[in-house]
Amino acid sequence: MFEVNKVYQYIGFEPVDLAKGMIKIKNKYDFTNLSEFNFDWEIVSDGKVVQSGKIPMPDFIPKAEIAFLLPFKR
């Protein structure tokens, strides 16, 4: 079952430089633009949310990748 869940993940996230808040987002859909989605992020420390926010998604075509900087405070 885990393998099926992994195969059906159409949006990928990878760390690029977490100290700076840089992540890579991959749109694995064939026909869906990611601007149709809302993205929320959280930084959790010791089980408590210390920062959170929303990522405004620009026009993000299918099969594209972008690097994105999360707006967090150190």
PDB file of N, CA and C in Angstrom:
ATOM      1  N   MET A   1       0.816  -1.197   0.000  1.00  0.00           N
ATOM      2  CA  MET A   1       0.000   0.000   0.000  1.00  0.00           C
ATOM      3  C   MET A   1       0.863   1.266   0.000  1.00  0.00           C
ATOM      4  N   PHE A   2       1.988   1.235   0.728  1.00  0.00           N
ATOM      5  CA  PHE A   2       2.866   2.405   0.756  1.00  0.00           C
ATOM      6  C   PHE A   2       3.361   2.759  -0.646  1.00  0.00           C
ATOM      7  N   GLU A   3       3.705   1.736  -1.425  1.00  0.00           N
ATOM      8  CA  GLU A   3       4.205   1.969  -2.776  1.00  0.00           C
ATOM      9  C   GLU A   3       3.157   2.653  -3.646  1.00  0.00           C
ATOM     10  N   VAL A   4       1.918   2.253  -3.536  1.00  0.00           N
ATOM     11  CA  VAL A   4       0.835   2.874  -4.303  1.00  0.00           C
ATOM     12  C   VAL A   4       0.680   4.334  -3.901  1.00  0.00           C
ATOM     13  N   ASN A   5       0.731   4.618  -2.605  1.00  0.00           N
ATOM     14  CA  ASN A   5       0.629   6.009  -2.146  1.00  0.00           C
ATOM     15  C   ASN A   5       1.751   6.859  -2.726  1.00  0.00           C
ATOM     16  N   LYS A   6       2.961   6.330  -2.772  1.00  0.00           N
ATOM     17  CA  LYS A   6       4.106   7.068  -3.299  1.00  0.00           C
ATOM     18  C   LYS A   6       3.953   7.322  -4.793  1.00  0.00           C
ATOM     19  N   VAL A   7       3.460   6.350  -5.533  1.00  0.00           N
ATOM     20  CA  VAL A   7       3.290   6.493  -6.982  1.00  0.00           C
ATOM     21  C   VAL A   7       2.261   7.566  -7.306  1.00  0.00           C
ATOM     22  N   TYR A   8       1.237   7.708  -6.477  1.00  0.00           N
ATOM     23  CA  TYR A   8       0.167   8.664  -6.748  1.00  0.00           C
ATOM     24  C   TYR A   8       0.432  10.060  -6.195  1.00  0.00           C
ATOM     25  N   GLN A   9       1.644  10.353  -5.768  1.00  0.00           N
ATOM     26  CA  GLN A   9       1.978  11.695  -5.304  1.00  0.00           C
ATOM     27  C   GLN A   9       2.378  12.540  -6.509  1.00  0.00           C
ATOM     28  N   TYR A  10       1.531  13.480  -6.863  1.00  0.00           N
ATOM     29  CA  TYR A  10       1.742  14.267  -8.077  1.00  0.00           C
ATOM     30  C   TYR A  10       2.433  15.594  -7.840  1.00  0.00           C
ATOM     31  N   ILE A  11       2.735  15.916  -6.601  1.00  0.00           N
ATOM     32  CA  ILE A  11       3.463  17.130  -6.281  1.00  0.00           C
ATOM     33  C   ILE A  11       4.650  16.710  -5.421  1.00  0.00           C
ATOM     34  N   GLY A  12       5.857  17.048  -5.864  1.00  0.00           N
ATOM     35  CA  GLY A  12       7.054  16.656  -5.135  1.00  0.00           C
ATOM     36  C   GLY A  12       7.729  17.851  -4.489  1.00  0.00           C
ATOM     37  N   PHE A  13       8.312  17.622  -3.321  1.00  0.00           N
ATOM     38  CA  PHE A  13       9.048  18.650  -2.602  1.00  0.00           C
ATOM     39  C   PHE A  13      10.423  18.097  -2.252  1.00  0.00           C
ATOM     40  N   GLU A  14      11.475  18.878  -2.510  1.00  0.00           N
ATOM     41  CA  GLU A  14      12.829  18.471  -2.183  1.00  0.00           C
ATOM     42  C   GLU A  14      13.551  19.633  -1.513  1.00  0.00           C
ATOM     43  N   PRO A  15      14.387  19.346  -0.519  1.00  0.00           N
ATOM     44  CA  PRO A  15      15.178  20.424   0.078  1.00  0.00           C
ATOM     45  C   PRO A  15      16.295  20.849  -0.871  1.00  0.00           C
ATOM     46  N   VAL A  16      16.536  22.137  -0.940  1.00  0.00           N
ATOM     47  CA  VAL A  16      17.661  22.669  -1.704  1.00  0.00           C
ATOM     48  C   VAL A  16      18.675  23.243  -0.716  1.00  0.00           C
ATOM     49  N   ASP A  17      18.250  24.208   0.091  1.00  0.00           N
ATOM     50  CA  ASP A  17      19.068  24.788   1.159  1.00  0.00           C
ATOM     51  C   ASP A  17      18.112  25.156   2.296  1.00  0.00           C
ATOM     52  N   LEU A  18      17.902  24.229   3.217  1.00  0.00           N
ATOM     53  CA  LEU A  18      16.902  24.428   4.265  1.00  0.00           C
ATOM     54  C   LEU A  18      17.278  25.539   5.230  1.00  0.00           C
ATOM     55  N   ALA A  19      18.572  25.808   5.419  1.00  0.00           N
ATOM     56  CA  ALA A  19      18.990  26.901   6.305  1.00  0.00           C
ATOM     57  C   ALA A  19      18.491  28.247   5.779  1.00  0.00           C
ATOM     58  N   LYS A  20      18.384  28.361   4.473  1.00  0.00           N
ATOM     59  CA  LYS A  20      17.877  29.591   3.855  1.00  0.00           C
ATOM     60  C   LYS A  20      16.388  29.503   3.540  1.00  0.00           C
ATOM     61  N   GLY A  21      15.809  28.307   3.677  1.00  0.00           N
ATOM     62  CA  GLY A  21      14.394  28.124   3.380  1.00  0.00           C
ATOM     63  C   GLY A  21      14.107  27.809   1.927  1.00  0.00           C
ATOM     64  N   MET A  22      15.125  27.352   1.189  1.00  0.00           N
ATOM     65  CA  MET A  22      14.956  27.075  -0.235  1.00  0.00           C
ATOM     66  C   MET A  22      14.536  25.619  -0.438  1.00  0.00           C
ATOM     67  N   ILE A  23      13.428  25.434  -1.155  1.00  0.00           N
ATOM     68  CA  ILE A  23      12.941  24.105  -1.506  1.00  0.00           C
ATOM     69  C   ILE A  23      12.659  24.057  -3.006  1.00  0.00           C
ATOM     70  N   LYS A  24      12.620  22.842  -3.548  1.00  0.00           N
ATOM     71  CA  LYS A  24      12.246  22.654  -4.947  1.00  0.00           C
ATOM     72  C   LYS A  24      10.881  21.989  -4.981  1.00  0.00           C
ATOM     73  N   ILE A  25       9.998  22.525  -5.818  1.00  0.00           N
ATOM     74  CA  ILE A  25       8.659  21.962  -5.978  1.00  0.00           C
ATOM     75  C   ILE A  25       8.548  21.434  -7.406  1.00  0.00           C
ATOM     76  N   LYS A  26       8.083  20.185  -7.532  1.00  0.00           N
ATOM     77  CA  LYS A  26       7.909  19.558  -8.850  1.00  0.00           C
ATOM     78  C   LYS A  26       6.431  19.303  -9.101  1.00  0.00           C
ATOM     79  N   ASN A  27       5.960  19.718 -10.262  1.00  0.00           N
ATOM     80  CA  ASN A  27       4.591  19.436 -10.683  1.00  0.00           C
ATOM     81  C   ASN A  27       4.627  18.177 -11.544  1.00  0.00           C
ATOM     82  N   LYS A  28       4.157  17.055 -10.993  1.00  0.00           N
ATOM     83  CA  LYS A  28       4.197  15.781 -11.702  1.00  0.00           C
ATOM     84  C   LYS A  28       2.901  15.492 -12.463  1.00  0.00           C
ATOM     85  N   TYR A  29       1.955  16.417 -12.411  1.00  0.00           N
ATOM     86  CA  TYR A  29       0.702  16.243 -13.153  1.00  0.00           C
ATOM     87  C   TYR A  29       0.959  16.369 -14.654  1.00  0.00           C
ATOM     88  N   ASP A  30       0.090  15.754 -15.443  1.00  0.00           N
ATOM     89  CA  ASP A  30       0.179  15.870 -16.893  1.00  0.00           C
ATOM     90  C   ASP A  30      -0.622  17.057 -17.431  1.00  0.00           C
ATOM     91  N   PHE A  31      -1.707  17.429 -16.746  1.00  0.00           N
ATOM     92  CA  PHE A  31      -2.590  18.460 -17.282  1.00  0.00           C
ATOM     93  C   PHE A  31      -3.004  19.518 -16.257  1.00  0.00           C
ATOM     94  N   THR A  32      -2.582  19.411 -15.009  1.00  0.00           N
ATOM     95  CA  THR A  32      -3.052  20.318 -13.960  1.00  0.00           C
ATOM     96  C   THR A  32      -1.993  21.359 -13.621  1.00  0.00           C
ATOM     97  N   ASN A  33      -2.412  22.619 -13.613  1.00  0.00           N
ATOM     98  CA  ASN A  33      -1.565  23.726 -13.210  1.00  0.00           C
ATOM     99  C   ASN A  33      -1.622  23.839 -11.683  1.00  0.00           C
ATOM    100  N   LEU A  34      -0.467  23.946 -11.018  1.00  0.00           N
ATOM    101  CA  LEU A  34      -0.456  23.990  -9.560  1.00  0.00           C
ATOM    102  C   LEU A  34      -0.984  25.306  -8.985  1.00  0.00           C
ATOM    103  N   SER A  35      -1.230  26.280  -9.818  1.00  0.00           N
ATOM    104  CA  SER A  35      -1.821  27.524  -9.314  1.00  0.00           C
ATOM    105  C   SER A  35      -3.247  27.282  -8.808  1.00  0.00           C
ATOM    106  N   GLU A  36      -3.802  26.110  -9.099  1.00  0.00           N
ATOM    107  CA  GLU A  36      -5.139  25.752  -8.615  1.00  0.00           C
ATOM    108  C   GLU A  36      -5.123  25.286  -7.154  1.00  0.00           C
ATOM    109  N   PHE A  37      -3.923  25.080  -6.569  1.00  0.00           N
ATOM    110  CA  PHE A  37      -3.793  24.557  -5.213  1.00  0.00           C
ATOM    111  C   PHE A  37      -3.372  25.647  -4.238  1.00  0.00           C
ATOM    112  N   ASN A  38      -3.677  25.421  -2.961  1.00  0.00           N
ATOM    113  CA  ASN A  38      -3.192  26.259  -1.872  1.00  0.00           C
ATOM    114  C   ASN A  38      -2.135  25.465  -1.122  1.00  0.00           C
ATOM    115  N   PHE A  39      -0.991  26.077  -0.835  1.00  0.00           N
ATOM    116  CA  PHE A  39       0.074  25.407  -0.111  1.00  0.00           C
ATOM    117  C   PHE A  39       0.308  26.103   1.229  1.00  0.00           C
ATOM    118  N   ASP A  40       0.282  25.336   2.291  1.00  0.00           N
ATOM    119  CA  ASP A  40       0.579  25.826   3.628  1.00  0.00           C
ATOM    120  C   ASP A  40       1.846  25.133   4.113  1.00  0.00           C
ATOM    121  N   TRP A  41       2.696  25.861   4.838  1.00  0.00           N
ATOM    122  CA  TRP A  41       3.917  25.268   5.376  1.00  0.00           C
ATOM    123  C   TRP A  41       3.985  25.530   6.880  1.00  0.00           C
ATOM    124  N   GLU A  42       4.755  24.682   7.575  1.00  0.00           N
ATOM    125  CA  GLU A  42       4.950  24.809   9.016  1.00  0.00           C
ATOM    126  C   GLU A  42       6.387  24.430   9.369  1.00  0.00           C
ATOM    127  N   ILE A  43       6.930  25.124  10.363  1.00  0.00           N
ATOM    128  CA  ILE A  43       8.185  24.718  10.989  1.00  0.00           C
ATOM    129  C   ILE A  43       7.816  24.248  12.382  1.00  0.00           C
ATOM    130  N   VAL A  44       8.167  22.986  12.679  1.00  0.00           N
ATOM    131  CA  VAL A  44       7.787  22.366  13.946  1.00  0.00           C
ATOM    132  C   VAL A  44       9.037  22.101  14.771  1.00  0.00           C
ATOM    133  N   SER A  45       9.004  22.492  16.041  1.00  0.00           N
ATOM    134  CA  SER A  45      10.100  22.235  16.968  1.00  0.00           C
ATOM    135  C   SER A  45       9.533  21.614  18.231  1.00  0.00           C
ATOM    136  N   ASP A  46      10.056  20.461  18.599  1.00  0.00           N
ATOM    137  CA  ASP A  46       9.585  19.746  19.792  1.00  0.00           C
ATOM    138  C   ASP A  46       8.071  19.533  19.764  1.00  0.00           C
ATOM    139  N   GLY A  47       7.539  19.248  18.585  1.00  0.00           N
ATOM    140  CA  GLY A  47       6.123  18.952  18.447  1.00  0.00           C
ATOM    141  C   GLY A  47       5.212  20.164  18.417  1.00  0.00           C
ATOM    142  N   LYS A  48       5.791  21.377  18.450  1.00  0.00           N
ATOM    143  CA  LYS A  48       4.983  22.601  18.426  1.00  0.00           C
ATOM    144  C   LYS A  48       5.295  23.408  17.173  1.00  0.00           C
ATOM    145  N   VAL A  49       4.259  23.963  16.586  1.00  0.00           N
ATOM    146  CA  VAL A  49       4.438  24.803  15.402  1.00  0.00           C
ATOM    147  C   VAL A  49       5.007  26.146  15.851  1.00  0.00           C
ATOM    148  N   VAL A  50       6.205  26.489  15.339  1.00  0.00           N
ATOM    149  CA  VAL A  50       6.833  27.755  15.710  1.00  0.00           C
ATOM    150  C   VAL A  50       6.662  28.822  14.631  1.00  0.00           C
ATOM    151  N   GLN A  51       6.482  28.398  13.385  1.00  0.00           N
ATOM    152  CA  GLN A  51       6.192  29.325  12.292  1.00  0.00           C
ATOM    153  C   GLN A  51       5.343  28.600  11.255  1.00  0.00           C
ATOM    154  N   SER A  52       4.546  29.384  10.562  1.00  0.00           N
ATOM    155  CA  SER A  52       3.730  28.810   9.490  1.00  0.00           C
ATOM    156  C   SER A  52       3.394  29.906   8.490  1.00  0.00           C
ATOM    157  N   GLY A  53       2.909  29.495   7.349  1.00  0.00           N
ATOM    158  CA  GLY A  53       2.534  30.464   6.341  1.00  0.00           C
ATOM    159  C   GLY A  53       1.910  29.795   5.139  1.00  0.00           C
ATOM    160  N   LYS A  54       1.619  30.594   4.144  1.00  0.00           N
ATOM    161  CA  LYS A  54       1.037  30.119   2.895  1.00  0.00           C
ATOM    162  C   LYS A  54       1.984  30.476   1.758  1.00  0.00           C
ATOM    163  N   ILE A  55       2.073  29.579   0.782  1.00  0.00           N
ATOM    164  CA  ILE A  55       2.895  29.825  -0.400  1.00  0.00           C
ATOM    165  C   ILE A  55       1.969  30.251  -1.533  1.00  0.00           C
ATOM    166  N   PRO A  56       2.123  31.476  -2.018  1.00  0.00           N
ATOM    167  CA  PRO A  56       1.334  31.877  -3.182  1.00  0.00           C
ATOM    168  C   PRO A  56       1.911  31.220  -4.431  1.00  0.00           C
ATOM    169  N   MET A  57       1.123  30.379  -5.070  1.00  0.00           N
ATOM    170  CA  MET A  57       1.598  29.647  -6.236  1.00  0.00           C
ATOM    171  C   MET A  57       1.403  30.470  -7.502  1.00  0.00           C
ATOM    172  N   PRO A  58       2.485  30.718  -8.212  1.00  0.00           N
ATOM    173  CA  PRO A  58       2.349  31.395  -9.511  1.00  0.00           C
ATOM    174  C   PRO A  58       1.832  30.400 -10.547  1.00  0.00           C
ATOM    175  N   ASP A  59       1.713  30.833 -11.775  1.00  0.00           N
ATOM    176  CA  ASP A  59       1.330  29.946 -12.861  1.00  0.00           C
ATOM    177  C   ASP A  59       2.413  28.873 -12.980  1.00  0.00           C
ATOM    178  N   PHE A  60       2.066  27.634 -12.698  1.00  0.00           N
ATOM    179  CA  PHE A  60       3.046  26.555 -12.572  1.00  0.00           C
ATOM    180  C   PHE A  60       2.574  25.391 -13.424  1.00  0.00           C
ATOM    181  N   ILE A  61       3.058  25.349 -14.667  1.00  0.00           N
ATOM    182  CA  ILE A  61       2.563  24.407 -15.669  1.00  0.00           C
ATOM    183  C   ILE A  61       2.921  22.955 -15.336  1.00  0.00           C
ATOM    184  N   PRO A  62       2.212  22.006 -15.917  1.00  0.00           N
ATOM    185  CA  PRO A  62       2.509  20.584 -15.696  1.00  0.00           C
ATOM    186  C   PRO A  62       3.944  20.223 -16.081  1.00  0.00           C
ATOM    187  N   LYS A  63       4.518  19.296 -15.316  1.00  0.00           N
ATOM    188  CA  LYS A  63       5.862  18.745 -15.524  1.00  0.00           C
ATOM    189  C   LYS A  63       6.984  19.753 -15.285  1.00  0.00           C
ATOM    190  N   ALA A  64       6.696  20.881 -14.669  1.00  0.00           N
ATOM    191  CA  ALA A  64       7.709  21.897 -14.405  1.00  0.00           C
ATOM    192  C   ALA A  64       8.256  21.759 -12.986  1.00  0.00           C
ATOM    193  N   GLU A  65       9.423  22.367 -12.743  1.00  0.00           N
ATOM    194  CA  GLU A  65      10.036  22.434 -11.415  1.00  0.00           C
ATOM    195  C   GLU A  65      10.405  23.878 -11.138  1.00  0.00           C
ATOM    196  N   ILE A  66      10.272  24.306  -9.884  1.00  0.00           N
ATOM    197  CA  ILE A  66      10.742  25.627  -9.497  1.00  0.00           C
ATOM    198  C   ILE A  66      11.401  25.535  -8.131  1.00  0.00           C
ATOM    199  N   ALA A  67      12.360  26.408  -7.898  1.00  0.00           N
ATOM    200  CA  ALA A  67      12.945  26.559  -6.568  1.00  0.00           C
ATOM    201  C   ALA A  67      12.175  27.691  -5.902  1.00  0.00           C
ATOM    202  N   PHE A  68      11.850  27.499  -4.633  1.00  0.00           N
ATOM    203  CA  PHE A  68      11.011  28.470  -3.934  1.00  0.00           C
ATOM    204  C   PHE A  68      11.627  28.775  -2.576  1.00  0.00           C
ATOM    205  N   LEU A  69      11.612  30.037  -2.188  1.00  0.00           N
ATOM    206  CA  LEU A  69      12.144  30.476  -0.909  1.00  0.00           C
ATOM    207  C   LEU A  69      10.992  30.687   0.082  1.00  0.00           C
ATOM    208  N   LEU A  70      10.991  29.883   1.143  1.00  0.00           N
ATOM    209  CA  LEU A  70       9.957  30.049   2.177  1.00  0.00           C
ATOM    210  C   LEU A  70      10.257  31.300   3.002  1.00  0.00           C
ATOM    211  N   PRO A  71       9.267  32.138   3.232  1.00  0.00           N
ATOM    212  CA  PRO A  71       9.495  33.391   3.966  1.00  0.00           C
ATOM    213  C   PRO A  71       9.433  33.176   5.489  1.00  0.00           C
ATOM    214  N   PHE A  72      10.491  32.566   6.054  1.00  0.00           N
ATOM    215  CA  PHE A  72      10.479  32.329   7.494  1.00  0.00           C
ATOM    216  C   PHE A  72      11.531  33.214   8.170  1.00  0.00           C
ATOM    217  N   LYS A  73      11.368  33.393   9.470  1.00  0.00           N
ATOM    218  CA  LYS A  73      12.307  34.191  10.265  1.00  0.00           C
ATOM    219  C   LYS A  73      13.223  33.251  11.034  1.00  0.00           C
ATOM    220  N   ARG A  74      14.480  33.567  11.080  1.00  0.00           N
ATOM    221  CA  ARG A  74      15.457  32.745  11.818  1.00  0.00           C
ATOM    222  C   ARG A  74      15.360  33.004  13.288  1.00  0.00           C
TER     223      ARG A  74
END
